[in-house]
Amino acid sequence: MRLFIAILFEEPIIKSLTKLQDRWYDMGVRGRFVSEQNFHITLAFIGEYGSAEPVLEAMEAVPFAPLSIKLDGIGNFGDILWAGIERNEELSKYVGRLRKTLAANNIPYDKRKFSPHITLVRKGVLNCGMEEILQNPPHGAMIAKSIDLMSSTRGKNGMIYTSLGCVEAKDFKK
């Protein structure tokens, strides 16, 4: 089973991101556009792992308060185009605690630095300048009230992401 832990989005953010994808397409951007059902922020990529239960148990061991998520900017990692998330210290601290708990439970994960973003186009080919792509970033904000454990399987039209369970945020005082 190929697993990752993610924050999923509410409709207003999804609409803002699909509007951006539509604009890019109209500008001549080509590539594999990520479907709106697959928009997410990866908190920890686990990869191939035998069972969801130990991961869900580790997730439940890391309490979190609702997290503010705000879209901020556009960028690329090579041929991957993405929308960014405004810097959020609480989100970064939560991800640190989550990854530490995964490691303590011998659950492997990709150790790359957490860089919150939403992948919008893979293998992107630009028929315009990058400066044009970077104009008019999407807007939107939400409060993340749950974290999902996702499985990723290859379908005939791309990846299919399925939630295997989630952990709900709890309001607590620090």
C-alpha atoms as a PDB file:
ATOM      1  CA  MET A   1       0.000   0.000   0.000  1.00  0.00           C
ATOM      2  CA  ARG A   2       1.398   3.434  -0.980  1.00  0.00           C
ATOM      3  CA  LEU A   3       0.570   5.893   1.830  1.00  0.00           C
ATOM      4  CA  PHE A   4       0.865   9.556   2.698  1.00  0.00           C
ATOM      5  CA  ILE A   5      -0.563  11.880   5.356  1.00  0.00           C
ATOM      6  CA  ALA A   6      -2.293  14.986   4.045  1.00  0.00           C
ATOM      7  CA  ILE A   7      -4.541  17.968   4.546  1.00  0.00           C
ATOM      8  CA  LEU A   8      -7.465  17.992   2.112  1.00  0.00           C
ATOM      9  CA  PHE A   9      -9.257  21.145   0.963  1.00  0.00           C
ATOM     10  CA  GLU A  10     -12.683  22.704   1.203  1.00  0.00           C
ATOM     11  CA  GLU A  11     -14.626  23.783  -1.886  1.00  0.00           C
ATOM     12  CA  PRO A  12     -13.647  27.503  -2.019  1.00  0.00           C
ATOM     13  CA  ILE A  13      -9.936  26.646  -2.201  1.00  0.00           C
ATOM     14  CA  ILE A  14     -10.574  23.875  -4.725  1.00  0.00           C
ATOM     15  CA  LYS A  15     -12.449  26.353  -6.946  1.00  0.00           C
ATOM     16  CA  SER A  16      -9.625  28.892  -6.701  1.00  0.00           C
ATOM     17  CA  LEU A  17      -7.063  26.246  -7.689  1.00  0.00           C
ATOM     18  CA  THR A  18      -9.110  24.904 -10.623  1.00  0.00           C
ATOM     19  CA  LYS A  19      -9.614  28.476 -11.838  1.00  0.00           C
ATOM     20  CA  LEU A  20      -5.829  28.894 -11.835  1.00  0.00           C
ATOM     21  CA  GLN A  21      -5.393  25.613 -13.739  1.00  0.00           C
ATOM     22  CA  ASP A  22      -7.955  26.764 -16.326  1.00  0.00           C
ATOM     23  CA  ARG A  23      -6.099  30.060 -16.775  1.00  0.00           C
ATOM     24  CA  TRP A  24      -2.801  28.229 -17.222  1.00  0.00           C
ATOM     25  CA  TYR A  25      -4.365  25.903 -19.791  1.00  0.00           C
ATOM     26  CA  ASP A  26      -5.720  28.895 -21.703  1.00  0.00           C
ATOM     27  CA  MET A  27      -2.196  30.381 -21.640  1.00  0.00           C
ATOM     28  CA  GLY A  28      -0.849  27.247 -23.337  1.00  0.00           C
ATOM     29  CA  VAL A  29       0.485  25.306 -20.358  1.00  0.00           C
ATOM     30  CA  ARG A  30       0.422  21.579 -21.071  1.00  0.00           C
ATOM     31  CA  GLY A  31       1.203  18.575 -18.914  1.00  0.00           C
ATOM     32  CA  ARG A  32      -0.646  16.325 -16.498  1.00  0.00           C
ATOM     33  CA  PHE A  33      -3.080  18.579 -14.664  1.00  0.00           C
ATOM     34  CA  VAL A  34      -3.873  17.230 -11.204  1.00  0.00           C
ATOM     35  CA  SER A  35      -7.588  16.551 -10.763  1.00  0.00           C
ATOM     36  CA  GLU A  36      -9.369  18.592  -8.114  1.00  0.00           C
ATOM     37  CA  GLN A  37     -10.144  15.430  -6.100  1.00  0.00           C
ATOM     38  CA  ASN A  38      -6.389  15.005  -5.640  1.00  0.00           C
ATOM     39  CA  PHE A  39      -5.526  18.502  -4.337  1.00  0.00           C
ATOM     40  CA  HIS A  40      -3.790  18.208  -0.959  1.00  0.00           C
ATOM     41  CA  ILE A  41      -0.806  19.238   1.150  1.00  0.00           C
ATOM     42  CA  THR A  42       1.473  16.298   1.931  1.00  0.00           C
ATOM     43  CA  LEU A  43       2.575  16.343   5.567  1.00  0.00           C
ATOM     44  CA  ALA A  44       4.500  13.056   5.421  1.00  0.00           C
ATOM     45  CA  PHE A  45       5.024  10.738   2.452  1.00  0.00           C
ATOM     46  CA  ILE A  46       5.344   7.185   3.714  1.00  0.00           C
ATOM     47  CA  GLY A  47       5.414   5.250   0.455  1.00  0.00           C
ATOM     48  CA  GLU A  48       4.942   1.486   0.357  1.00  0.00           C
ATOM     49  CA  TYR A  49       3.815   0.226   3.755  1.00  0.00           C
ATOM     50  CA  GLY A  50       1.970  -2.938   4.724  1.00  0.00           C
ATOM     51  CA  SER A  51      -0.825  -1.634   6.936  1.00  0.00           C
ATOM     52  CA  ALA A  52      -2.727   1.566   7.619  1.00  0.00           C
ATOM     53  CA  GLU A  53      -3.421   0.793  11.301  1.00  0.00           C
ATOM     54  CA  PRO A  54       0.019   1.584  12.767  1.00  0.00           C
ATOM     55  CA  VAL A  55       0.104   4.848  10.819  1.00  0.00           C
ATOM     56  CA  LEU A  56      -3.370   5.867  12.010  1.00  0.00           C
ATOM     57  CA  GLU A  57      -2.358   5.024  15.593  1.00  0.00           C
ATOM     58  CA  ALA A  58       0.744   7.223  15.266  1.00  0.00           C
ATOM     59  CA  MET A  59      -1.385  10.041  13.813  1.00  0.00           C
ATOM     60  CA  GLU A  60      -3.831   9.781  16.722  1.00  0.00           C
ATOM     61  CA  ALA A  61      -0.921  10.095  19.175  1.00  0.00           C
ATOM     62  CA  VAL A  62      -0.125  13.597  17.873  1.00  0.00           C
ATOM     63  CA  PRO A  63      -2.887  15.988  18.951  1.00  0.00           C
ATOM     64  CA  PHE A  64      -3.405  19.188  17.035  1.00  0.00           C
ATOM     65  CA  ALA A  65      -5.606  22.235  17.185  1.00  0.00           C
ATOM     66  CA  PRO A  66      -7.374  23.460  14.046  1.00  0.00           C
ATOM     67  CA  LEU A  67      -4.766  24.861  11.634  1.00  0.00           C
ATOM     68  CA  SER A  68      -5.110  27.975   9.492  1.00  0.00           C
ATOM     69  CA  ILE A  69      -4.274  27.355   5.828  1.00  0.00           C
ATOM     70  CA  LYS A  70      -3.949  30.243   3.389  1.00  0.00           C
ATOM     71  CA  LEU A  71      -2.937  30.071  -0.273  1.00  0.00           C
ATOM     72  CA  ASP A  72       0.138  32.157  -1.023  1.00  0.00           C
ATOM     73  CA  GLY A  73       2.022  32.309  -4.301  1.00  0.00           C
ATOM     74  CA  ILE A  74       2.868  30.064  -7.215  1.00  0.00           C
ATOM     75  CA  GLY A  75       6.085  28.271  -8.027  1.00  0.00           C
ATOM     76  CA  ASN A  76       7.724  25.287  -9.602  1.00  0.00           C
ATOM     77  CA  PHE A  77      10.035  22.393  -8.817  1.00  0.00           C
ATOM     78  CA  GLY A  78      11.444  21.750 -12.284  1.00  0.00           C
ATOM     79  CA  ASP A  79       8.481  20.715 -14.434  1.00  0.00           C
ATOM     80  CA  ILE A  80       6.031  20.607 -11.502  1.00  0.00           C
ATOM     81  CA  LEU A  81       3.845  23.711 -11.102  1.00  0.00           C
ATOM     82  CA  TRP A  82       2.313  24.360  -7.701  1.00  0.00           C
ATOM     83  CA  ALA A  83       0.398  26.787  -5.509  1.00  0.00           C
ATOM     84  CA  GLY A  84       1.999  27.711  -2.215  1.00  0.00           C
ATOM     85  CA  ILE A  85       0.787  27.999   1.336  1.00  0.00           C
ATOM     86  CA  GLU A  86       1.465  30.999   3.555  1.00  0.00           C
ATOM     87  CA  ARG A  87       4.162  30.316   6.145  1.00  0.00           C
ATOM     88  CA  ASN A  88       2.497  28.844   9.219  1.00  0.00           C
ATOM     89  CA  GLU A  89       4.551  28.082  12.307  1.00  0.00           C
ATOM     90  CA  GLU A  90       1.799  25.968  13.908  1.00  0.00           C
ATOM     91  CA  LEU A  91       1.572  23.768  10.806  1.00  0.00           C
ATOM     92  CA  SER A  92       5.365  23.352  10.705  1.00  0.00           C
ATOM     93  CA  LYS A  93       5.479  22.432  14.412  1.00  0.00           C
ATOM     94  CA  TYR A  94       2.664  19.904  13.946  1.00  0.00           C
ATOM     95  CA  VAL A  95       4.467  18.282  11.007  1.00  0.00           C
ATOM     96  CA  GLY A  96       7.639  18.072  13.107  1.00  0.00           C
ATOM     97  CA  ARG A  97       5.768  16.315  15.941  1.00  0.00           C
ATOM     98  CA  LEU A  98       4.001  14.002  13.475  1.00  0.00           C
ATOM     99  CA  ARG A  99       7.215  12.962  11.754  1.00  0.00           C
ATOM    100  CA  LYS A 100       8.972  12.440  15.095  1.00  0.00           C
ATOM    101  CA  THR A 101       6.131  10.131  16.169  1.00  0.00           C
ATOM    102  CA  LEU A 102       6.290   8.208  12.874  1.00  0.00           C
ATOM    103  CA  ALA A 103      10.037   7.695  13.383  1.00  0.00           C
ATOM    104  CA  ALA A 104       9.520   6.596  17.025  1.00  0.00           C
ATOM    105  CA  ASN A 105       7.085   3.964  15.741  1.00  0.00           C
ATOM    106  CA  ASN A 106       9.495   2.748  13.027  1.00  0.00           C
ATOM    107  CA  ILE A 107       7.227   4.011  10.256  1.00  0.00           C
ATOM    108  CA  PRO A 108       9.445   5.155   7.376  1.00  0.00           C
ATOM    109  CA  TYR A 109       8.747   8.452   5.629  1.00  0.00           C
ATOM    110  CA  ASP A 110      10.445  10.730   3.128  1.00  0.00           C
ATOM    111  CA  LYS A 111      12.817  12.886   5.195  1.00  0.00           C
ATOM    112  CA  ARG A 112      12.867  15.842   2.792  1.00  0.00           C
ATOM    113  CA  LYS A 113      12.271  19.215   4.380  1.00  0.00           C
ATOM    114  CA  PHE A 114       8.586  20.077   4.734  1.00  0.00           C
ATOM    115  CA  SER A 115       7.704  22.506   1.950  1.00  0.00           C
ATOM    116  CA  PRO A 116       3.919  22.995   1.961  1.00  0.00           C
ATOM    117  CA  HIS A 117       2.483  23.279  -1.545  1.00  0.00           C
ATOM    118  CA  ILE A 118      -0.306  21.934  -3.741  1.00  0.00           C
ATOM    119  CA  THR A 119       0.831  20.253  -6.938  1.00  0.00           C
ATOM    120  CA  LEU A 120      -1.302  21.482  -9.850  1.00  0.00           C
ATOM    121  CA  VAL A 121       0.580  20.311 -12.983  1.00  0.00           C
ATOM    122  CA  ARG A 122       3.122  17.517 -13.425  1.00  0.00           C
ATOM    123  CA  LYS A 123       5.462  17.393 -16.426  1.00  0.00           C
ATOM    124  CA  GLY A 124       4.448  20.948 -17.212  1.00  0.00           C
ATOM    125  CA  VAL A 125       5.415  22.435 -20.555  1.00  0.00           C
ATOM    126  CA  LEU A 126       5.125  26.199 -20.863  1.00  0.00           C
ATOM    127  CA  ASN A 127       4.141  27.885 -24.110  1.00  0.00           C
ATOM    128  CA  CYS A 128       4.561  31.244 -22.391  1.00  0.00           C
ATOM    129  CA  GLY A 129       7.087  32.755 -20.001  1.00  0.00           C
ATOM    130  CA  MET A 130       7.348  31.725 -16.353  1.00  0.00           C
ATOM    131  CA  GLU A 131       6.741  35.385 -15.440  1.00  0.00           C
ATOM    132  CA  GLU A 132       3.236  35.085 -16.935  1.00  0.00           C
ATOM    133  CA  ILE A 133       2.555  31.869 -15.004  1.00  0.00           C
ATOM    134  CA  LEU A 134       3.511  33.510 -11.720  1.00  0.00           C
ATOM    135  CA  GLN A 135       1.017  36.358 -12.131  1.00  0.00           C
ATOM    136  CA  ASN A 136      -2.353  36.349 -10.372  1.00  0.00           C
ATOM    137  CA  PRO A 137      -1.801  33.684  -7.718  1.00  0.00           C
ATOM    138  CA  PRO A 138      -4.872  31.959  -6.282  1.00  0.00           C
ATOM    139  CA  HIS A 139      -6.536  33.231  -3.121  1.00  0.00           C
ATOM    140  CA  GLY A 140      -8.296  31.339  -0.393  1.00  0.00           C
ATOM    141  CA  ALA A 141      -8.133  30.321   3.222  1.00  0.00           C
ATOM    142  CA  MET A 142      -9.605  27.664   5.456  1.00  0.00           C
ATOM    143  CA  ILE A 143      -9.231  26.061   8.846  1.00  0.00           C
ATOM    144  CA  ALA A 144      -7.949  22.477   8.627  1.00  0.00           C
ATOM    145  CA  LYS A 145      -9.934  20.447  11.110  1.00  0.00           C
ATOM    146  CA  SER A 146      -8.649  17.000  10.168  1.00  0.00           C
ATOM    147  CA  ILE A 147      -5.599  15.196   8.852  1.00  0.00           C
ATOM    148  CA  ASP A 148      -6.114  12.226   6.506  1.00  0.00           C
ATOM    149  CA  LEU A 149      -4.151   9.061   5.867  1.00  0.00           C
ATOM    150  CA  MET A 150      -4.314   8.578   2.113  1.00  0.00           C
ATOM    151  CA  SER A 151      -3.584   5.649  -0.152  1.00  0.00           C
ATOM    152  CA  SER A 152      -2.402   6.190  -3.691  1.00  0.00           C
ATOM    153  CA  THR A 153      -3.145   3.727  -6.485  1.00  0.00           C
ATOM    154  CA  ARG A 154      -2.538   4.036 -10.192  1.00  0.00           C
ATOM    155  CA  GLY A 155      -5.721   4.223 -12.262  1.00  0.00           C
ATOM    156  CA  LYS A 156      -6.074   4.266 -16.040  1.00  0.00           C
ATOM    157  CA  ASN A 157      -6.412   8.088 -15.977  1.00  0.00           C
ATOM    158  CA  GLY A 158      -3.816   8.849 -13.311  1.00  0.00           C
ATOM    159  CA  MET A 159      -3.473   8.443  -9.572  1.00  0.00           C
ATOM    160  CA  ILE A 160      -6.474   7.726  -7.381  1.00  0.00           C
ATOM    161  CA  TYR A 161      -6.236   8.954  -3.793  1.00  0.00           C
ATOM    162  CA  THR A 162      -8.433   7.386  -1.131  1.00  0.00           C
ATOM    163  CA  SER A 163      -8.757   8.396   2.506  1.00  0.00           C
ATOM    164  CA  LEU A 164      -8.179   5.415   4.807  1.00  0.00           C
ATOM    165  CA  GLY A 165      -9.041   7.371   7.935  1.00  0.00           C
ATOM    166  CA  CYS A 166      -8.586  10.734   9.541  1.00  0.00           C
ATOM    167  CA  VAL A 167      -7.753  12.359  12.836  1.00  0.00           C
ATOM    168  CA  GLU A 168      -9.947  15.273  13.900  1.00  0.00           C
ATOM    169  CA  ALA A 169      -8.486  18.438  15.386  1.00  0.00           C
ATOM    170  CA  LYS A 170      -9.221  19.214  19.009  1.00  0.00           C
ATOM    171  CA  ASP A 171      -9.453  22.681  20.463  1.00  0.00           C
ATOM    172  CA  PHE A 172      -6.966  22.927  23.301  1.00  0.00           C
ATOM    173  CA  LYS A 173      -5.093  25.639  25.104  1.00  0.00           C
ATOM    174  CA  LYS A 174      -1.315  25.649  24.999  1.00  0.00           C
END
